């Protein structure tokens, strides 16, 4: 594999992890929201790939990222992650009877300032 591609992929994943680390306890963000914060608009699937690549026992709060419908995304076996739901419930996030989280109630409201600050950090990293 091309070393440049490996570095670029590593850098992209690190930007995603930095955005995920900003999500407060008891709040959730969508894959799309994290993609925008990481400077990767319209690439929510890339966020999913990056989170899937995390090592077991990571300190990145991956469990706080859910899909745009307010649900825990299904795993490769077609089932939602029960550990993700458990971790969110432990932080006080409630699921309704359909397995959805209210994004109005528990969604992380990022400010333009947070997005700008995150973007500035990325620009400085690549300068």
Protein backbone atom coordinates (compact mmCIF):
# COMPACT_ATOMS: atom_id res chain seq x y z
CA UNK A 1 0.00 0.00 0.00
CA UNK A 2 1.11 3.54 -0.73
CA UNK A 3 2.66 5.20 2.40
CA UNK A 4 0.98 8.52 1.52
CA UNK A 5 -2.41 6.85 1.48
CA UNK A 6 -1.72 5.26 4.87
CA UNK A 7 -0.74 8.67 6.34
CA UNK A 8 -3.81 10.35 4.84
CA UNK A 9 -6.09 7.62 6.17
CA UNK A 10 -4.48 7.86 9.62
CA UNK A 11 -4.90 11.64 9.60
CA UNK A 12 -8.55 11.35 8.53
CA UNK A 13 -9.31 8.83 11.26
CA UNK A 14 -7.57 11.03 13.85
CA UNK A 15 -9.74 13.99 12.80
CA UNK A 16 -12.82 11.83 13.24
CA UNK A 17 -11.67 10.61 16.66
CA UNK A 18 -10.96 14.19 17.75
CA UNK A 19 -14.52 15.17 16.82
CA UNK A 20 -16.00 12.15 18.63
CA UNK A 21 -14.01 12.98 21.77
CA UNK A 22 -15.87 16.33 21.93
CA UNK A 23 -19.30 14.70 22.40
CA UNK A 24 -20.34 15.26 26.03
CA UNK A 25 -21.38 12.41 28.28
CA UNK A 26 -25.13 11.79 28.04
CA UNK A 27 -25.33 13.20 24.51
CA UNK A 28 -25.23 11.61 21.07
CA UNK A 29 -24.15 12.78 17.64
CA UNK A 30 -24.89 11.40 14.20
CA UNK A 31 -22.34 10.02 11.78
CA UNK A 32 -23.07 12.96 9.47
CA UNK A 33 -22.59 15.49 12.25
CA UNK A 34 -19.18 14.02 13.10
CA UNK A 35 -18.21 13.98 9.41
CA UNK A 36 -18.92 17.72 9.18
CA UNK A 37 -16.97 18.44 12.38
CA UNK A 38 -14.03 16.43 11.06
CA UNK A 39 -14.04 18.46 7.85
CA UNK A 40 -15.46 15.56 5.83
CA UNK A 41 -18.94 16.71 4.82
CA UNK A 42 -21.14 14.15 3.06
CA UNK A 43 -18.92 11.29 4.28
CA UNK A 44 -20.76 9.79 7.25
CA UNK A 45 -19.90 6.28 6.10
CA UNK A 46 -16.22 7.10 6.54
CA UNK A 47 -16.99 7.94 10.18
CA UNK A 48 -18.48 4.47 10.57
CA UNK A 49 -15.38 2.87 9.04
CA UNK A 50 -13.10 4.84 11.35
CA UNK A 51 -15.08 3.90 14.45
CA UNK A 52 -15.13 0.26 13.37
CA UNK A 53 -11.32 0.38 13.14
CA UNK A 54 -10.90 1.40 16.79
CA UNK A 55 -9.08 -1.05 19.03
CA UNK A 56 -11.00 -2.76 21.81
CA UNK A 57 -10.68 -0.80 25.04
CA UNK A 58 -10.25 2.56 23.30
CA UNK A 59 -10.93 5.78 25.18
CA UNK A 60 -12.71 7.30 22.16
CA UNK A 61 -16.42 7.40 23.12
CA UNK A 62 -17.53 5.65 19.93
CA UNK A 63 -20.82 4.62 21.53
CA UNK A 64 -22.07 8.23 21.40
CA UNK A 65 -22.33 8.16 17.60
CA UNK A 66 -25.64 6.91 16.21
CA UNK A 67 -27.43 7.10 12.89
CA UNK A 68 -29.59 9.99 11.65
CA UNK A 69 -32.77 8.14 12.64
CA UNK A 70 -31.66 8.17 16.28
CA UNK A 71 -30.87 4.48 16.30
CA UNK A 72 -27.84 2.35 17.02
CA UNK A 73 -26.62 1.18 13.62
CA UNK A 74 -26.73 -2.51 12.87
CA UNK A 75 -23.55 -4.57 13.00
CA UNK A 76 -22.24 -6.86 10.27
CA UNK A 77 -24.51 -9.63 11.58
CA UNK A 78 -27.59 -7.42 11.08
CA UNK A 79 -28.21 -6.79 14.78
CA UNK A 80 -27.79 -3.52 16.67
CA UNK A 81 -24.96 -3.32 19.19
CA UNK A 82 -26.39 -4.06 22.62
CA UNK A 83 -23.16 -2.92 24.26
CA UNK A 84 -23.55 0.49 22.58
CA UNK A 85 -27.11 0.79 23.87
CA UNK A 86 -26.01 -0.29 27.35
CA UNK A 87 -23.21 2.30 27.44
CA UNK A 88 -25.58 5.06 26.33
CA UNK A 89 -28.24 4.06 28.87
CA UNK A 90 -25.57 4.08 31.57
CA UNK A 91 -24.91 7.72 30.65
CA UNK A 92 -28.61 8.56 31.00
CA UNK A 93 -29.63 8.39 27.34
CA UNK A 94 -33.15 6.95 26.92
CA UNK A 95 -34.41 4.75 24.09
CA UNK A 96 -38.09 4.63 23.16
CA UNK A 97 -39.99 1.39 22.54
CA UNK A 98 -38.81 1.39 18.91
CA UNK A 99 -35.15 1.59 19.97
CA UNK A 100 -34.73 5.25 19.06
CA UNK A 101 -33.06 8.10 20.89
CA UNK A 102 -34.68 11.53 20.73
CA UNK A 103 -32.13 13.67 18.92
CA UNK A 104 -34.04 16.74 20.13
CA UNK A 105 -33.52 15.71 23.73
CA UNK A 106 -30.16 13.90 23.68
CA UNK A 107 -28.55 15.17 20.48
CA UNK A 108 -25.35 17.13 20.89
CA UNK A 109 -25.95 20.69 19.79
CA UNK A 110 -22.68 21.81 18.26
CA UNK A 111 -22.15 25.50 17.99
CA UNK A 112 -20.71 27.26 14.98
CA UNK A 113 -17.85 28.16 17.28
CA UNK A 114 -17.07 24.50 17.99
CA UNK A 115 -17.16 23.68 14.28
CA UNK A 116 -14.94 26.67 13.47
CA UNK A 117 -12.50 25.80 16.27
CA UNK A 118 -12.31 22.20 15.05
CA UNK A 119 -11.78 23.36 11.46
CA UNK A 120 -9.02 25.77 12.50
CA UNK A 121 -7.18 23.01 14.34
CA UNK A 122 -7.33 20.84 11.21
CA UNK A 123 -6.00 23.67 9.03
CA UNK A 124 -3.09 24.23 11.41
CA UNK A 125 -2.32 20.51 11.43
CA UNK A 126 -2.09 20.44 7.63
CA UNK A 127 -0.22 23.73 7.19
